N, C-alpha and C. Protein backbone atom coordinates (compact mmCIF):
# COMPACT_ATOMS: atom_id res chain seq x y z
N LEU A 1 112.36 -52.17 4.54
CA LEU A 1 111.67 -52.62 3.35
C LEU A 1 111.03 -54.10 3.62
N ALA A 2 111.71 -54.75 4.21
CA ALA A 2 111.16 -56.32 4.61
C ALA A 2 109.89 -56.28 5.30
N ASP A 3 109.99 -55.18 6.55
CA ASP A 3 108.70 -55.06 7.24
C ASP A 3 107.74 -54.51 6.22
N ASN A 4 107.88 -53.70 5.39
CA ASN A 4 106.52 -53.09 4.53
C ASN A 4 106.25 -54.05 3.74
N LEU A 5 107.11 -55.00 3.26
CA LEU A 5 106.86 -56.10 2.18
C LEU A 5 105.68 -56.94 2.99
N HIS A 6 106.14 -57.34 4.39
CA HIS A 6 105.31 -58.16 5.11
C HIS A 6 103.91 -57.56 5.55
N VAL A 7 103.77 -56.27 5.60
CA VAL A 7 102.86 -55.63 6.16
C VAL A 7 101.68 -55.60 4.95
N ILE A 8 102.30 -55.51 3.65
CA ILE A 8 101.65 -55.34 2.34
C ILE A 8 101.12 -56.89 2.37
N ASP A 9 101.99 -57.83 2.46
CA ASP A 9 101.54 -59.08 2.16
C ASP A 9 100.54 -59.66 2.93
N PHE A 10 100.52 -59.06 4.40
CA PHE A 10 99.63 -59.13 5.41
C PHE A 10 98.22 -58.68 5.09
N GLU A 11 98.32 -57.48 4.47
CA GLU A 11 97.07 -56.82 4.25
C GLU A 11 96.53 -57.43 2.85
N GLN A 12 97.26 -57.73 2.06
CA GLN A 12 96.65 -58.34 0.93
C GLN A 12 96.25 -59.87 1.14
N LEU A 13 96.78 -60.23 2.26
CA LEU A 13 96.18 -61.70 2.51
C LEU A 13 95.19 -61.66 3.48
N LYS A 14 94.92 -60.69 4.19
CA LYS A 14 93.64 -60.28 4.78
C LYS A 14 92.58 -60.11 4.12
N ILE A 15 92.86 -59.26 3.20
CA ILE A 15 91.63 -59.14 1.99
C ILE A 15 91.30 -60.23 1.20
N GLU A 16 92.26 -61.01 0.81
CA GLU A 16 91.85 -62.45 0.29
C GLU A 16 91.01 -63.12 1.15
N ASN A 17 91.59 -62.96 2.43
CA ASN A 17 90.87 -63.75 3.40
C ASN A 17 89.30 -63.53 3.76
N GLN A 18 89.18 -62.22 3.66
CA GLN A 18 87.81 -61.67 3.45
C GLN A 18 87.23 -61.96 2.58
N THR A 19 87.82 -62.08 1.34
CA THR A 19 86.90 -62.30 -0.07
C THR A 19 86.45 -63.82 0.21
N LEU A 20 87.73 -64.46 0.58
CA LEU A 20 87.15 -65.93 0.53
C LEU A 20 86.31 -66.36 1.65
N ASN A 21 86.22 -65.58 2.87
CA ASN A 21 85.06 -65.43 3.76
C ASN A 21 83.91 -65.43 3.30
N GLU A 22 83.61 -64.34 2.57
CA GLU A 22 82.33 -63.84 1.51
C GLU A 22 81.88 -64.78 0.99
N LYS A 23 82.91 -65.27 0.20
CA LYS A 23 82.56 -66.55 -0.98
C LYS A 23 81.94 -67.95 -0.16
N ILE A 24 82.78 -68.29 1.12
CA ILE A 24 82.06 -69.17 1.79
C ILE A 24 80.80 -68.95 2.45
N GLU A 25 80.60 -67.62 2.71
CA GLU A 25 79.45 -67.26 3.33
C GLU A 25 78.10 -67.32 2.29
N GLU A 26 78.39 -67.13 1.14
CA GLU A 26 77.71 -67.44 -0.20
C GLU A 26 77.13 -68.40 -0.20
N ARG A 27 78.43 -69.46 -0.28
CA ARG A 27 78.32 -71.05 -0.51
C ARG A 27 77.48 -71.69 0.42
N ASN A 28 77.49 -70.92 1.81
CA ASN A 28 76.90 -71.65 3.00
C ASN A 28 75.31 -71.28 2.62
N GLU A 29 75.08 -70.24 2.32
CA GLU A 29 73.61 -69.64 2.11
C GLU A 29 72.83 -70.36 0.95
N GLU A 30 73.75 -70.73 -0.10
CA GLU A 30 73.40 -71.96 -1.29
C GLU A 30 73.27 -72.96 -0.80
N LEU A 31 74.27 -73.33 0.24
CA LEU A 31 73.63 -74.61 0.56
C LEU A 31 72.37 -74.85 1.50
N HIS A 32 72.52 -73.82 2.32
CA HIS A 32 71.01 -73.57 3.21
C HIS A 32 69.74 -73.76 2.16
N LYS A 33 70.09 -72.84 1.17
CA LYS A 33 68.91 -72.86 0.32
C LYS A 33 68.60 -74.36 -0.51
N LEU A 34 69.69 -75.24 -0.75
CA LEU A 34 69.38 -76.13 -1.22
C LEU A 34 69.18 -77.33 -0.52
N ARG A 35 69.24 -77.27 0.94
CA ARG A 35 68.81 -77.95 1.81
C ARG A 35 67.42 -78.15 2.03
N LYS A 36 66.92 -76.61 2.11
CA LYS A 36 65.65 -76.19 2.30
C LYS A 36 64.61 -77.08 1.13
N LYS A 37 65.48 -76.69 -0.22
CA LYS A 37 64.68 -77.30 -1.36
C LYS A 37 64.81 -78.81 -1.22
N THR A 38 65.83 -79.37 -0.84
CA THR A 38 65.55 -80.97 -0.69
C THR A 38 64.56 -81.35 0.35
N VAL A 39 64.34 -80.61 1.57
CA VAL A 39 63.69 -81.00 2.34
C VAL A 39 62.38 -81.24 1.87
N THR A 40 62.02 -79.67 1.02
CA THR A 40 60.72 -79.71 0.29
C THR A 40 60.32 -80.76 -0.45
N THR A 41 61.32 -80.81 -1.44
CA THR A 41 61.45 -81.77 -2.51
C THR A 41 61.14 -83.33 -1.74
N VAL A 42 61.40 -83.84 -0.82
CA VAL A 42 61.71 -85.03 0.10
C VAL A 42 60.02 -84.77 0.62
N GLN A 43 59.46 -84.05 0.93
CA GLN A 43 57.98 -84.01 1.54
C GLN A 43 57.20 -84.11 0.25
N ILE A 44 57.43 -83.57 -0.94
CA ILE A 44 56.43 -83.86 -1.82
C ILE A 44 56.62 -85.29 -2.21
N ILE A 45 57.86 -85.54 -2.40
CA ILE A 45 57.85 -86.96 -2.93
C ILE A 45 57.24 -87.96 -1.91
N THR A 46 57.29 -87.95 -0.70
CA THR A 46 56.66 -88.65 0.27
C THR A 46 54.97 -88.54 0.17
N HIS A 47 54.62 -87.20 -0.01
CA HIS A 47 53.25 -87.13 -0.32
C HIS A 47 52.66 -87.63 -1.64
N MET A 48 53.45 -87.64 -2.83
CA MET A 48 53.41 -88.28 -3.72
C MET A 48 53.41 -89.98 -3.68
N ARG A 49 54.05 -90.18 -2.99
CA ARG A 49 53.98 -91.71 -2.75
C ARG A 49 52.98 -92.09 -2.09
N GLU A 50 52.31 -91.48 -1.14
CA GLU A 50 51.28 -91.79 -0.32
C GLU A 50 50.19 -91.59 -1.32
N LYS A 51 50.18 -90.57 -1.89
CA LYS A 51 48.80 -90.41 -2.92
C LYS A 51 48.83 -91.59 -3.90
N VAL A 52 50.07 -92.04 -4.61
CA VAL A 52 50.06 -93.02 -5.45
C VAL A 52 49.65 -94.53 -4.65
N GLN A 53 50.11 -94.74 -3.49
CA GLN A 53 49.54 -95.83 -2.64
C GLN A 53 47.91 -95.79 -2.72
N PHE A 54 47.37 -94.71 -2.11
CA PHE A 54 45.86 -94.47 -2.21
C PHE A 54 45.21 -94.70 -3.42
N VAL A 55 45.98 -94.25 -4.51
CA VAL A 55 45.25 -94.38 -5.76
C VAL A 55 45.40 -95.50 -6.38
N GLN A 56 46.49 -96.80 -5.89
CA GLN A 56 46.58 -98.05 -6.27
C GLN A 56 45.73 -98.70 -5.43
N GLN A 57 45.13 -98.42 -4.02
CA GLN A 57 44.34 -99.10 -3.35
C GLN A 57 42.84 -98.84 -4.11
N ASP A 58 42.85 -97.54 -4.47
CA ASP A 58 41.13 -97.33 -4.97
C ASP A 58 41.15 -97.88 -6.32
N TYR A 59 42.28 -97.99 -7.26
CA TYR A 59 42.20 -98.81 -8.51
C TYR A 59 41.70 -100.32 -8.29
N GLN A 60 42.51 -101.06 -7.19
CA GLN A 60 42.49 -102.34 -7.23
C GLN A 60 41.05 -102.41 -6.77
N LYS A 61 40.28 -101.63 -5.92
CA LYS A 61 38.87 -101.66 -5.44
C LYS A 61 37.98 -101.48 -6.53
N LEU A 62 38.24 -100.48 -7.41
CA LEU A 62 37.60 -100.29 -8.72
C LEU A 62 37.60 -101.35 -9.78
N LYS A 63 38.75 -102.12 -10.01
CA LYS A 63 39.11 -103.33 -10.67
C LYS A 63 37.98 -104.31 -10.16
N GLY A 64 38.00 -104.60 -8.79
CA GLY A 64 37.28 -105.48 -8.38
C GLY A 64 35.82 -105.35 -8.69
N GLU A 65 35.14 -104.09 -8.44
CA GLU A 65 33.95 -103.92 -8.83
C GLU A 65 33.67 -103.93 -10.47
N LEU A 66 34.72 -103.51 -11.33
CA LEU A 66 34.44 -103.61 -12.64
C LEU A 66 34.33 -105.20 -12.94
N GLY A 67 35.04 -105.99 -12.54
CA GLY A 67 35.08 -107.51 -12.57
C GLY A 67 33.43 -108.18 -12.06
N GLN A 68 33.01 -107.62 -11.15
CA GLN A 68 32.00 -107.75 -10.76
C GLN A 68 30.61 -107.34 -11.40
N LEU A 69 30.80 -106.16 -11.92
CA LEU A 69 29.87 -105.57 -13.19
C LEU A 69 29.91 -106.38 -14.26
N ASP A 70 31.15 -106.80 -14.80
CA ASP A 70 31.45 -107.66 -16.07
C ASP A 70 30.44 -108.79 -15.87
N GLN A 71 30.78 -109.66 -14.41
CA GLN A 71 29.99 -110.75 -14.29
C GLN A 71 28.66 -110.49 -14.45
N ASP A 72 27.93 -109.57 -13.66
CA ASP A 72 26.41 -108.95 -13.79
C ASP A 72 26.06 -108.81 -15.07
N LEU A 73 26.87 -108.11 -16.01
CA LEU A 73 26.73 -107.72 -17.20
C LEU A 73 26.47 -109.44 -18.00
N ALA A 74 27.19 -110.28 -18.00
CA ALA A 74 27.08 -111.25 -18.65
C ALA A 74 26.05 -112.12 -18.26
N ALA A 75 25.49 -112.08 -17.06
CA ALA A 75 24.46 -112.81 -16.72
C ALA A 75 23.34 -112.20 -17.09
N GLN A 76 23.22 -110.89 -17.33
CA GLN A 76 22.08 -110.17 -17.85
C GLN A 76 22.02 -110.38 -19.26
N ARG A 77 23.15 -110.58 -20.09
CA ARG A 77 23.16 -110.93 -21.28
C ARG A 77 22.72 -112.26 -21.38
N ASP A 78 23.33 -113.15 -20.89
CA ASP A 78 22.38 -114.55 -20.80
C ASP A 78 20.71 -114.53 -20.90
N LEU A 79 20.47 -113.80 -19.73
CA LEU A 79 19.00 -113.67 -19.41
C LEU A 79 18.39 -113.10 -20.78
N VAL A 80 18.64 -112.00 -21.28
CA VAL A 80 18.11 -111.56 -22.45
C VAL A 80 17.95 -112.24 -23.55
N ALA A 81 19.16 -113.25 -23.89
CA ALA A 81 19.25 -114.01 -24.79
C ALA A 81 18.49 -115.07 -24.75
N LYS A 82 18.18 -115.66 -23.41
CA LYS A 82 16.97 -116.74 -23.18
C LYS A 82 15.56 -116.03 -23.23
N THR A 83 15.47 -114.84 -22.72
CA THR A 83 14.21 -114.35 -23.13
C THR A 83 13.88 -113.87 -24.31
N LYS A 84 14.74 -113.73 -25.43
CA LYS A 84 14.40 -113.58 -26.71
C LYS A 84 13.92 -114.84 -27.40
N HIS A 85 14.67 -115.75 -26.86
CA HIS A 85 14.27 -117.04 -27.34
C HIS A 85 13.36 -117.61 -27.00
N GLU A 86 12.86 -117.50 -25.97
CA GLU A 86 11.57 -117.70 -25.10
C GLU A 86 10.41 -116.80 -25.94
N ARG A 87 10.76 -115.54 -26.25
CA ARG A 87 9.72 -114.53 -26.77
C ARG A 87 9.57 -115.24 -28.35
N ASP A 88 10.65 -115.75 -29.07
CA ASP A 88 10.38 -116.31 -30.47
C ASP A 88 9.57 -117.43 -30.16
N GLU A 89 9.79 -118.60 -29.52
CA GLU A 89 9.02 -119.59 -29.10
C GLU A 89 7.44 -119.10 -29.10
N HIS A 90 7.32 -118.25 -28.33
CA HIS A 90 5.90 -117.76 -27.89
C HIS A 90 5.37 -117.31 -28.98
N ARG A 91 5.92 -116.42 -30.07
CA ARG A 91 5.85 -115.74 -31.26
C ARG A 91 5.38 -116.91 -32.43
N SER A 92 6.05 -117.96 -32.45
CA SER A 92 6.05 -118.87 -33.44
C SER A 92 4.71 -119.77 -33.04
N ASP A 93 4.68 -119.98 -31.60
CA ASP A 93 3.27 -120.81 -31.18
C ASP A 93 2.11 -119.95 -31.33
N SER A 94 2.09 -118.67 -31.47
CA SER A 94 1.12 -117.97 -31.49
C SER A 94 0.64 -117.83 -32.73
N GLY A 95 1.69 -117.82 -33.78
CA GLY A 95 1.26 -117.68 -35.45
C GLY A 95 0.84 -119.02 -35.63
N LYS A 96 1.31 -120.17 -35.25
CA LYS A 96 0.60 -121.34 -35.40
C LYS A 96 -1.07 -121.61 -34.90
N LEU A 97 -1.07 -120.94 -33.77
CA LEU A 97 -2.56 -121.05 -33.06
C LEU A 97 -3.26 -120.17 -33.91
N ARG A 98 -3.00 -118.92 -34.53
CA ARG A 98 -3.62 -118.09 -35.24
C ARG A 98 -4.09 -118.75 -36.60
N GLN A 99 -3.10 -119.27 -37.21
CA GLN A 99 -3.45 -120.22 -38.26
C GLN A 99 -4.51 -121.13 -38.36
N GLN A 100 -4.64 -121.72 -37.05
CA GLN A 100 -5.32 -123.07 -36.95
C GLN A 100 -7.18 -122.34 -36.32
N THR A 101 -6.66 -121.24 -35.79
CA THR A 101 -8.17 -120.43 -35.17
C THR A 101 -8.66 -119.35 -36.22
N SER A 102 -8.24 -119.41 -37.55
CA SER A 102 -8.38 -117.74 -38.15
C SER A 102 -9.68 -117.75 -38.17
N ILE A 103 -10.66 -118.66 -38.45
CA ILE A 103 -12.04 -118.42 -38.33
C ILE A 103 -12.44 -117.30 -37.23
N MET A 104 -11.88 -117.49 -35.80
CA MET A 104 -12.31 -116.76 -34.74
C MET A 104 -11.58 -115.40 -34.74
N ASN A 105 -10.66 -115.09 -35.61
CA ASN A 105 -10.35 -113.95 -35.41
C ASN A 105 -10.38 -113.07 -36.83
N SER A 106 -11.26 -113.69 -37.65
CA SER A 106 -11.81 -112.82 -38.77
C SER A 106 -13.47 -112.07 -38.31
N GLU A 107 -13.64 -111.17 -38.11
CA GLU A 107 -14.57 -110.25 -37.91
C GLU A 107 -15.85 -110.45 -38.74
N HIS A 108 -15.56 -110.65 -39.79
CA HIS A 108 -16.55 -111.03 -40.90
C HIS A 108 -17.37 -112.35 -40.44
N LEU A 109 -16.26 -113.36 -40.39
CA LEU A 109 -16.77 -114.81 -40.23
C LEU A 109 -17.27 -114.92 -38.54
N THR A 110 -16.94 -114.19 -37.79
CA THR A 110 -17.29 -114.31 -36.50
C THR A 110 -18.93 -113.48 -36.15
N ARG A 111 -19.27 -112.32 -37.19
CA ARG A 111 -20.47 -112.04 -37.35
C ARG A 111 -21.81 -112.70 -37.97
N ASP A 112 -20.83 -113.46 -39.14
CA ASP A 112 -21.86 -114.20 -39.88
C ASP A 112 -22.30 -115.53 -38.86
N PHE A 113 -21.22 -116.02 -38.10
CA PHE A 113 -21.75 -117.01 -37.31
C PHE A 113 -22.62 -116.71 -36.18
N GLU A 114 -22.27 -115.40 -35.51
CA GLU A 114 -23.37 -115.00 -34.62
C GLU A 114 -24.85 -114.70 -35.30
N THR A 115 -24.69 -114.19 -36.79
CA THR A 115 -26.13 -114.01 -37.28
C THR A 115 -26.70 -115.12 -37.59
N ARG A 116 -26.13 -116.43 -37.77
CA ARG A 116 -26.78 -117.78 -37.98
C ARG A 116 -27.12 -118.20 -36.69
N THR A 117 -26.45 -117.97 -35.89
CA THR A 117 -26.92 -118.81 -34.62
C THR A 117 -28.11 -118.38 -34.38
N GLU A 118 -28.27 -116.66 -34.33
CA GLU A 118 -29.42 -116.17 -33.92
C GLU A 118 -30.65 -116.83 -34.78
N HIS A 119 -30.48 -116.79 -36.03
CA HIS A 119 -31.51 -117.33 -36.99
C HIS A 119 -31.77 -118.88 -36.64
N ILE A 120 -30.93 -119.83 -36.29
CA ILE A 120 -31.26 -121.02 -35.93
C ILE A 120 -32.14 -120.98 -34.54
N ASN A 121 -31.80 -120.07 -33.78
CA ASN A 121 -32.59 -120.21 -32.47
C ASN A 121 -34.03 -119.56 -32.73
N LYS A 122 -34.17 -118.71 -33.39
CA LYS A 122 -35.28 -118.11 -34.08
C LYS A 122 -36.17 -119.29 -34.55
N LEU A 123 -35.58 -120.01 -35.67
CA LEU A 123 -35.96 -121.21 -36.17
C LEU A 123 -36.63 -122.33 -35.14
N LYS A 124 -35.64 -122.55 -34.31
CA LYS A 124 -36.15 -123.62 -33.20
C LYS A 124 -37.49 -123.20 -32.13
N ASP A 125 -37.30 -121.75 -31.93
CA ASP A 125 -38.53 -121.24 -31.45
C ASP A 125 -39.71 -121.47 -32.10
N GLU A 126 -39.62 -121.17 -33.39
CA GLU A 126 -40.76 -121.28 -34.21
C GLU A 126 -41.22 -122.66 -34.63
N ILE A 127 -40.04 -123.62 -34.63
CA ILE A 127 -40.55 -125.02 -34.71
C ILE A 127 -41.27 -125.40 -33.23
N ASN A 128 -40.78 -125.02 -32.12
CA ASN A 128 -41.57 -125.21 -30.87
C ASN A 128 -43.07 -124.93 -30.82
N GLN A 129 -43.25 -123.52 -31.40
CA GLN A 129 -44.42 -122.84 -31.39
C GLN A 129 -45.33 -123.73 -32.30
N LEU A 130 -45.06 -124.08 -33.48
CA LEU A 130 -45.56 -124.81 -34.68
C LEU A 130 -45.87 -125.97 -33.81
N LYS A 131 -45.27 -127.02 -33.10
CA LYS A 131 -45.27 -128.06 -32.37
C LYS A 131 -46.50 -128.19 -31.57
N ARG A 132 -46.45 -127.15 -30.78
CA ARG A 132 -47.43 -126.74 -29.55
C ARG A 132 -48.82 -126.42 -30.40
N ARG A 133 -48.84 -125.88 -31.57
CA ARG A 133 -49.96 -125.55 -32.11
C ARG A 133 -50.44 -126.68 -32.94
N HIS A 134 -49.58 -127.74 -33.55
CA HIS A 134 -50.32 -128.79 -33.91
C HIS A 134 -50.55 -129.66 -33.00
N ALA A 135 -50.15 -129.59 -31.84
CA ALA A 135 -50.66 -130.62 -30.61
C ALA A 135 -51.88 -129.86 -30.22
N GLN A 136 -52.08 -128.62 -30.32
CA GLN A 136 -53.32 -128.25 -29.87
C GLN A 136 -54.39 -128.44 -30.79
N MET A 137 -54.05 -128.46 -32.05
CA MET A 137 -54.86 -128.48 -33.36
C MET A 137 -55.27 -130.35 -33.37
N THR A 138 -54.52 -130.95 -32.82
CA THR A 138 -54.55 -132.58 -32.74
C THR A 138 -55.40 -132.54 -31.44
N GLN A 139 -55.45 -132.10 -30.56
CA GLN A 139 -56.34 -132.15 -29.48
C GLN A 139 -57.86 -131.45 -29.88
N PHE A 140 -57.75 -130.61 -30.23
CA PHE A 140 -58.98 -130.07 -30.68
C PHE A 140 -59.96 -131.35 -31.75
N VAL A 141 -59.23 -131.78 -32.84
CA VAL A 141 -59.91 -132.82 -33.38
C VAL A 141 -60.18 -133.77 -32.82
N LYS A 142 -59.18 -134.32 -31.98
CA LYS A 142 -59.99 -135.53 -31.31
C LYS A 142 -60.94 -135.37 -30.31
N SER A 143 -60.82 -133.97 -29.69
CA SER A 143 -61.91 -133.80 -29.14
C SER A 143 -63.04 -133.63 -29.63
N ASN A 144 -63.25 -133.24 -30.82
CA ASN A 144 -64.54 -132.97 -31.30
C ASN A 144 -64.84 -134.14 -32.46
N GLY A 145 -64.39 -135.36 -32.33
CA GLY A 145 -64.72 -136.59 -32.66
C GLY A 145 -64.28 -136.72 -34.17
N GLY A 146 -62.99 -136.11 -34.22
CA GLY A 146 -62.49 -136.47 -35.82
C GLY A 146 -61.26 -137.20 -35.61
N THR A 147 -60.79 -137.58 -36.78
CA THR A 147 -59.71 -138.21 -36.68
C THR A 147 -58.64 -137.77 -37.40
N VAL A 148 -57.51 -138.10 -37.07
CA VAL A 148 -56.25 -137.24 -37.67
C VAL A 148 -55.33 -138.11 -38.50
């Protein structure tokens, strides 16, 4: 009977041993899967760190460009303000000149001036013709013995 109990215990221990070996094998497979996941995760983290570093470098470069563009914008705004101020001064000067020379800017007054100038020139020509005629007549009277 003791021999049979030992055989039964041995068989039971053998079955328990096999079950435990299967569990160990399952755990080893799980461990292998977790190690694979760990390696993949480490690779992904390394890739993300490299990407973050690249993005930070790109960010710094873009930040520098933005600073330069801000400076350019400020310079352009100053130039625009200066140009507007000069424009306003020129407008003011132009308005003053228009007021001073309003005669020149009026079409009606300009036409009147031109008409009067033509009339004066015609009268001067007429005066010159009359002076020549007077001189001729005076010459004629003197040549014919008359007195003027």
